[in-house]
PDB file of N, CA and C in Angstrom:
ATOM      1  N   UNK A   1       0.869  -1.192  -0.001  1.00  0.00           N
ATOM      2  CA  UNK A   1      -0.013   0.006   0.009  1.00  0.00           C
ATOM      3  C   UNK A   1       0.897   1.242  -0.011  1.00  0.00           C
ATOM      4  N   UNK A   2       0.668   2.145  -0.951  1.00  0.00           N
ATOM      5  CA  UNK A   2       1.445   3.347  -1.061  1.00  0.00           C
ATOM      6  C   UNK A   2       0.953   4.487  -0.251  1.00  0.00           C
ATOM      7  N   UNK A   3       1.811   5.422   0.057  1.00  0.00           N
ATOM      8  CA  UNK A   3       1.442   6.611   0.805  1.00  0.00           C
ATOM      9  C   UNK A   3       1.013   7.681  -0.145  1.00  0.00           C
ATOM     10  N   UNK A   4      -0.168   8.214  -0.002  1.00  0.00           N
ATOM     11  CA  UNK A   4      -0.630   9.290  -0.863  1.00  0.00           C
ATOM     12  C   UNK A   4      -0.327  10.622  -0.181  1.00  0.00           C
ATOM     13  N   UNK A   5       0.455  11.406  -0.859  1.00  0.00           N
ATOM     14  CA  UNK A   5       0.821  12.740  -0.341  1.00  0.00           C
ATOM     15  C   UNK A   5       0.221  13.811  -1.213  1.00  0.00           C
ATOM     16  N   UNK A   6      -0.540  14.698  -0.603  1.00  0.00           N
ATOM     17  CA  UNK A   6      -1.175  15.771  -1.399  1.00  0.00           C
ATOM     18  C   UNK A   6      -0.253  16.948  -1.538  1.00  0.00           C
ATOM     19  N   UNK A   7      -0.501  17.792  -2.497  1.00  0.00           N
ATOM     20  CA  UNK A   7       0.281  19.010  -2.716  1.00  0.00           C
ATOM     21  C   UNK A   7       0.312  19.901  -1.469  1.00  0.00           C
ATOM     22  N   UNK A   8      -0.823  19.993  -0.811  1.00  0.00           N
ATOM     23  CA  UNK A   8      -0.891  20.847   0.409  1.00  0.00           C
ATOM     24  C   UNK A   8       0.047  20.279   1.494  1.00  0.00           C
ATOM     25  N   UNK A   9       0.061  18.964   1.652  1.00  0.00           N
ATOM     26  CA  UNK A   9       0.909  18.380   2.669  1.00  0.00           C
ATOM     27  C   UNK A   9       2.384  18.659   2.350  1.00  0.00           C
ATOM     28  N   UNK A  10       2.765  18.470   1.095  1.00  0.00           N
ATOM     29  CA  UNK A  10       4.162  18.704   0.725  1.00  0.00           C
ATOM     30  C   UNK A  10       4.576  20.166   0.979  1.00  0.00           C
ATOM     31  N   UNK A  11       3.710  21.062   0.641  1.00  0.00           N
ATOM     32  CA  UNK A  11       3.995  22.498   0.840  1.00  0.00           C
ATOM     33  C   UNK A  11       4.163  22.799   2.321  1.00  0.00           C
ATOM     34  N   UNK A  12       3.326  22.228   3.133  1.00  0.00           N
ATOM     35  CA  UNK A  12       3.391  22.498   4.582  1.00  0.00           C
ATOM     36  C   UNK A  12       4.645  21.845   5.160  1.00  0.00           C
ATOM     37  N   UNK A  13       4.994  20.687   4.703  1.00  0.00           N
ATOM     38  CA  UNK A  13       6.191  19.995   5.195  1.00  0.00           C
ATOM     39  C   UNK A  13       7.436  20.812   4.816  1.00  0.00           C
ATOM     40  N   UNK A  14       7.500  21.361   3.602  1.00  0.00           N
ATOM     41  CA  UNK A  14       8.659  22.115   3.175  1.00  0.00           C
ATOM     42  C   UNK A  14       8.803  23.361   4.025  1.00  0.00           C
ATOM     43  N   UNK A  15       7.737  24.087   4.210  1.00  0.00           N
ATOM     44  CA  UNK A  15       7.782  25.305   5.020  1.00  0.00           C
ATOM     45  C   UNK A  15       8.196  24.967   6.462  1.00  0.00           C
ATOM     46  N   UNK A  16       7.614  23.899   7.009  1.00  0.00           N
ATOM     47  CA  UNK A  16       7.947  23.538   8.360  1.00  0.00           C
ATOM     48  C   UNK A  16       9.440  23.180   8.496  1.00  0.00           C
ATOM     49  N   UNK A  17       9.967  22.447   7.534  1.00  0.00           N
ATOM     50  CA  UNK A  17      11.389  22.095   7.544  1.00  0.00           C
ATOM     51  C   UNK A  17      12.304  23.251   7.522  1.00  0.00           C
ATOM     52  N   UNK A  18      11.879  24.324   6.841  1.00  0.00           N
ATOM     53  CA  UNK A  18      12.739  25.473   6.682  1.00  0.00           C
ATOM     54  C   UNK A  18      12.697  26.415   7.912  1.00  0.00           C
ATOM     55  N   UNK A  19      11.683  26.318   8.727  1.00  0.00           N
ATOM     56  CA  UNK A  19      11.584  27.230   9.860  1.00  0.00           C
ATOM     57  C   UNK A  19      11.665  26.523  11.216  1.00  0.00           C
ATOM     58  N   UNK A  20      11.809  25.228  11.214  1.00  0.00           N
ATOM     59  CA  UNK A  20      11.786  24.506  12.472  1.00  0.00           C
ATOM     60  C   UNK A  20      12.950  24.914  13.383  1.00  0.00           C
ATOM     61  N   UNK A  21      14.105  25.222  12.796  1.00  0.00           N
ATOM     62  CA  UNK A  21      15.249  25.669  13.610  1.00  0.00           C
ATOM     63  C   UNK A  21      14.957  26.995  14.277  1.00  0.00           C
ATOM     64  N   UNK A  22      14.279  27.917  13.580  1.00  0.00           N
ATOM     65  CA  UNK A  22      13.942  29.201  14.219  1.00  0.00           C
ATOM     66  C   UNK A  22      12.940  29.005  15.343  1.00  0.00           C
ATOM     67  N   UNK A  23      11.951  28.149  15.145  1.00  0.00           N
ATOM     68  CA  UNK A  23      10.958  27.853  16.182  1.00  0.00           C
ATOM     69  C   UNK A  23      11.643  27.209  17.385  1.00  0.00           C
ATOM     70  N   UNK A  24      12.550  26.261  17.177  1.00  0.00           N
ATOM     71  CA  UNK A  24      13.222  25.598  18.241  1.00  0.00           C
ATOM     72  C   UNK A  24      14.039  26.572  19.090  1.00  0.00           C
ATOM     73  N   UNK A  25      14.771  27.430  18.408  1.00  0.00           N
ATOM     74  CA  UNK A  25      15.580  28.435  19.108  1.00  0.00           C
ATOM     75  C   UNK A  25      14.702  29.425  19.862  1.00  0.00           C
ATOM     76  N   UNK A  26      13.603  29.809  19.253  1.00  0.00           N
ATOM     77  CA  UNK A  26      12.682  30.739  19.917  1.00  0.00           C
ATOM     78  C   UNK A  26      12.156  30.150  21.190  1.00  0.00           C
ATOM     79  N   UNK A  27      11.747  28.907  21.169  1.00  0.00           N
ATOM     80  CA  UNK A  27      11.284  28.253  22.394  1.00  0.00           C
ATOM     81  C   UNK A  27      12.364  28.112  23.444  1.00  0.00           C
ATOM     82  N   UNK A  28      13.563  27.698  22.999  1.00  0.00           N
ATOM     83  CA  UNK A  28      14.662  27.499  23.919  1.00  0.00           C
ATOM     84  C   UNK A  28      15.073  28.790  24.641  1.00  0.00           C
ATOM     85  N   UNK A  29      15.114  29.893  23.917  1.00  0.00           N
ATOM     86  CA  UNK A  29      15.617  31.123  24.499  1.00  0.00           C
ATOM     87  C   UNK A  29      14.485  32.134  24.770  1.00  0.00           C
ATOM     88  N   UNK A  30      13.249  31.695  24.747  1.00  0.00           N
ATOM     89  CA  UNK A  30      12.099  32.541  25.093  1.00  0.00           C
ATOM     90  C   UNK A  30      12.105  33.844  24.263  1.00  0.00           C
ATOM     91  N   UNK A  31      12.201  33.679  22.935  1.00  0.00           N
ATOM     92  CA  UNK A  31      12.326  34.816  22.027  1.00  0.00           C
ATOM     93  C   UNK A  31      11.082  35.676  22.069  1.00  0.00           C
ATOM     94  N   UNK A  32      11.343  36.947  21.859  1.00  0.00           N
ATOM     95  CA  UNK A  32      10.297  37.938  21.719  1.00  0.00           C
ATOM     96  C   UNK A  32      10.210  38.375  20.245  1.00  0.00           C
ATOM     97  N   UNK A  33       9.154  39.115  19.935  1.00  0.00           N
ATOM     98  CA  UNK A  33       8.956  39.540  18.520  1.00  0.00           C
ATOM     99  C   UNK A  33      10.192  40.273  17.994  1.00  0.00           C
ATOM    100  N   UNK A  34      10.771  41.153  18.803  1.00  0.00           N
ATOM    101  CA  UNK A  34      11.948  41.905  18.383  1.00  0.00           C
ATOM    102  C   UNK A  34      13.115  40.985  18.041  1.00  0.00           C
ATOM    103  N   UNK A  35      13.218  39.873  18.735  1.00  0.00           N
ATOM    104  CA  UNK A  35      14.278  38.885  18.433  1.00  0.00           C
ATOM    105  C   UNK A  35      14.106  38.341  17.020  1.00  0.00           C
ATOM    106  N   UNK A  36      12.889  38.074  16.568  1.00  0.00           N
ATOM    107  CA  UNK A  36      12.648  37.579  15.250  1.00  0.00           C
ATOM    108  C   UNK A  36      12.986  38.668  14.194  1.00  0.00           C
ATOM    109  N   UNK A  37      12.697  39.902  14.504  1.00  0.00           N
ATOM    110  CA  UNK A  37      12.995  41.006  13.562  1.00  0.00           C
ATOM    111  C   UNK A  37      14.522  41.127  13.409  1.00  0.00           C
ATOM    112  N   UNK A  38      15.268  40.960  14.463  1.00  0.00           N
ATOM    113  CA  UNK A  38      16.742  41.134  14.434  1.00  0.00           C
ATOM    114  C   UNK A  38      17.464  39.860  13.985  1.00  0.00           C
ATOM    115  N   UNK A  39      16.752  38.752  13.894  1.00  0.00           N
ATOM    116  CA  UNK A  39      17.379  37.496  13.510  1.00  0.00           C
ATOM    117  C   UNK A  39      17.753  37.481  12.049  1.00  0.00           C
ATOM    118  N   UNK A  40      18.899  36.917  11.714  1.00  0.00           N
ATOM    119  CA  UNK A  40      19.302  36.752  10.345  1.00  0.00           C
ATOM    120  C   UNK A  40      18.523  35.584   9.741  1.00  0.00           C
ATOM    121  N   UNK A  41      17.763  35.842   8.706  1.00  0.00           N
ATOM    122  CA  UNK A  41      16.947  34.811   8.037  1.00  0.00           C
ATOM    123  C   UNK A  41      17.696  34.442   6.734  1.00  0.00           C
ATOM    124  N   UNK A  42      18.035  33.167   6.600  1.00  0.00           N
ATOM    125  CA  UNK A  42      18.737  32.711   5.427  1.00  0.00           C
ATOM    126  C   UNK A  42      17.832  32.713   4.215  1.00  0.00           C
ATOM    127  N   UNK A  43      18.284  33.355   3.135  1.00  0.00           N
ATOM    128  CA  UNK A  43      17.557  33.388   1.892  1.00  0.00           C
ATOM    129  C   UNK A  43      18.541  33.380   0.752  1.00  0.00           C
ATOM    130  N   UNK A  44      18.344  32.626  -0.270  1.00  0.00           N
ATOM    131  CA  UNK A  44      17.303  31.653  -0.375  1.00  0.00           C
ATOM    132  C   UNK A  44      17.627  30.399   0.479  1.00  0.00           C
ATOM    133  N   UNK A  45      16.608  29.707   0.804  1.00  0.00           N
ATOM    134  CA  UNK A  45      16.796  28.459   1.556  1.00  0.00           C
ATOM    135  C   UNK A  45      17.384  27.454   0.579  1.00  0.00           C
ATOM    136  N   UNK A  46      17.879  26.345   1.130  1.00  0.00           N
ATOM    137  CA  UNK A  46      18.462  25.292   0.269  1.00  0.00           C
ATOM    138  C   UNK A  46      17.436  24.807  -0.729  1.00  0.00           C
ATOM    139  N   UNK A  47      16.207  24.601  -0.261  1.00  0.00           N
ATOM    140  CA  UNK A  47      15.121  24.146  -1.174  1.00  0.00           C
ATOM    141  C   UNK A  47      14.919  25.159  -2.311  1.00  0.00           C
ATOM    142  N   UNK A  48      14.866  26.416  -1.993  1.00  0.00           N
ATOM    143  CA  UNK A  48      14.658  27.439  -3.034  1.00  0.00           C
ATOM    144  C   UNK A  48      15.848  27.502  -3.964  1.00  0.00           C
ATOM    145  N   UNK A  49      17.060  27.414  -3.437  1.00  0.00           N
ATOM    146  CA  UNK A  49      18.255  27.488  -4.245  1.00  0.00           C
ATOM    147  C   UNK A  49      18.294  26.320  -5.233  1.00  0.00           C
ATOM    148  N   UNK A  50      17.940  25.095  -4.807  1.00  0.00           N
ATOM    149  CA  UNK A  50      17.890  23.968  -5.691  1.00  0.00           C
ATOM    150  C   UNK A  50      16.807  24.129  -6.735  1.00  0.00           C
ATOM    151  N   UNK A  51      15.676  24.703  -6.387  1.00  0.00           N
ATOM    152  CA  UNK A  51      14.619  24.943  -7.353  1.00  0.00           C
ATOM    153  C   UNK A  51      15.079  25.955  -8.422  1.00  0.00           C
ATOM    154  N   UNK A  52      15.737  27.024  -7.961  1.00  0.00           N
ATOM    155  CA  UNK A  52      16.225  28.057  -8.905  1.00  0.00           C
ATOM    156  C   UNK A  52      17.279  27.455  -9.831  1.00  0.00           C
ATOM    157  N   UNK A  53      18.126  26.607  -9.282  1.00  0.00           N
ATOM    158  CA  UNK A  53      19.176  25.959 -10.119  1.00  0.00           C
ATOM    159  C   UNK A  53      18.507  25.079 -11.188  1.00  0.00           C
ATOM    160  N   UNK A  54      17.454  24.356 -10.816  1.00  0.00           N
ATOM    161  CA  UNK A  54      16.790  23.528 -11.781  1.00  0.00           C
ATOM    162  C   UNK A  54      16.079  24.356 -12.851  1.00  0.00           C
ATOM    163  N   UNK A  55      15.418  25.400 -12.443  1.00  0.00           N
ATOM    164  CA  UNK A  55      14.728  26.276 -13.406  1.00  0.00           C
ATOM    165  C   UNK A  55      15.716  26.948 -14.311  1.00  0.00           C
ATOM    166  N   UNK A  56      16.917  27.266 -13.831  1.00  0.00           N
ATOM    167  CA  UNK A  56      17.907  27.947 -14.657  1.00  0.00           C
ATOM    168  C   UNK A  56      18.328  27.136 -15.875  1.00  0.00           C
ATOM    169  N   UNK A  57      18.050  25.857 -15.858  1.00  0.00           N
ATOM    170  CA  UNK A  57      18.326  25.033 -17.066  1.00  0.00           C
ATOM    171  C   UNK A  57      17.483  25.512 -18.241  1.00  0.00           C
ATOM    172  N   UNK A  58      16.297  26.056 -17.943  1.00  0.00           N
ATOM    173  CA  UNK A  58      15.354  26.453 -18.994  1.00  0.00           C
ATOM    174  C   UNK A  58      15.125  27.929 -19.069  1.00  0.00           C
ATOM    175  N   UNK A  59      15.359  28.683 -17.956  1.00  0.00           N
ATOM    176  CA  UNK A  59      15.068  30.094 -17.950  1.00  0.00           C
ATOM    177  C   UNK A  59      16.208  30.844 -17.267  1.00  0.00           C
ATOM    178  N   UNK A  60      16.360  32.109 -17.559  1.00  0.00           N
ATOM    179  CA  UNK A  60      17.356  32.971 -16.944  1.00  0.00           C
ATOM    180  C   UNK A  60      16.908  33.341 -15.546  1.00  0.00           C
ATOM    181  N   UNK A  61      17.607  32.938 -14.479  1.00  0.00           N
ATOM    182  CA  UNK A  61      17.144  33.244 -13.127  1.00  0.00           C
ATOM    183  C   UNK A  61      17.016  34.764 -12.863  1.00  0.00           C
ATOM    184  N   UNK A  62      17.808  35.550 -13.537  1.00  0.00           N
ATOM    185  CA  UNK A  62      17.731  36.992 -13.338  1.00  0.00           C
ATOM    186  C   UNK A  62      16.379  37.533 -13.764  1.00  0.00           C
ATOM    187  N   UNK A  63      15.635  36.808 -14.580  1.00  0.00           N
ATOM    188  CA  UNK A  63      14.332  37.277 -15.039  1.00  0.00           C
ATOM    189  C   UNK A  63      13.198  36.705 -14.218  1.00  0.00           C
ATOM    190  N   UNK A  64      13.494  35.884 -13.199  1.00  0.00           N
ATOM    191  CA  UNK A  64      12.470  35.369 -12.305  1.00  0.00           C
ATOM    192  C   UNK A  64      12.132  36.388 -11.219  1.00  0.00           C
ATOM    193  N   UNK A  65      10.904  36.473 -10.826  1.00  0.00           N
ATOM    194  CA  UNK A  65      10.502  37.481  -9.840  1.00  0.00           C
ATOM    195  C   UNK A  65      11.233  37.255  -8.488  1.00  0.00           C
ATOM    196  N   UNK A  66      11.586  36.029  -8.206  1.00  0.00           N
ATOM    197  CA  UNK A  66      12.248  35.729  -6.915  1.00  0.00           C
ATOM    198  C   UNK A  66      13.686  36.247  -6.896  1.00  0.00           C
ATOM    199  N   UNK A  67      14.287  36.433  -8.070  1.00  0.00           N
ATOM    200  CA  UNK A  67      15.690  36.705  -8.132  1.00  0.00           C
ATOM    201  C   UNK A  67      16.023  38.069  -8.695  1.00  0.00           C
ATOM    202  N   UNK A  68      14.997  38.826  -9.071  1.00  0.00           N
ATOM    203  CA  UNK A  68      15.226  40.130  -9.638  1.00  0.00           C
ATOM    204  C   UNK A  68      15.665  41.130  -8.546  1.00  0.00           C
ATOM    205  N   UNK A  69      16.537  42.029  -8.951  1.00  0.00           N
ATOM    206  CA  UNK A  69      16.961  43.037  -7.989  1.00  0.00           C
ATOM    207  C   UNK A  69      16.255  44.323  -8.188  1.00  0.00           C
TER     208      UNK A  69
END
């Protein structure tokens, strides 16, 4: 019997995986809202970087809305 994974589940799992470290540190150190504002947020995430690398095979990343300056 196979596992059926919906698109919504995959999206939620990806987002969760990318922010779980921030949530864990916030709980451990009793973070306040200002702490999140001052925290360095890594961008692009590894998942986004891999997606952009894959897309760049067919499109110029500089023309993508995620990568435009």
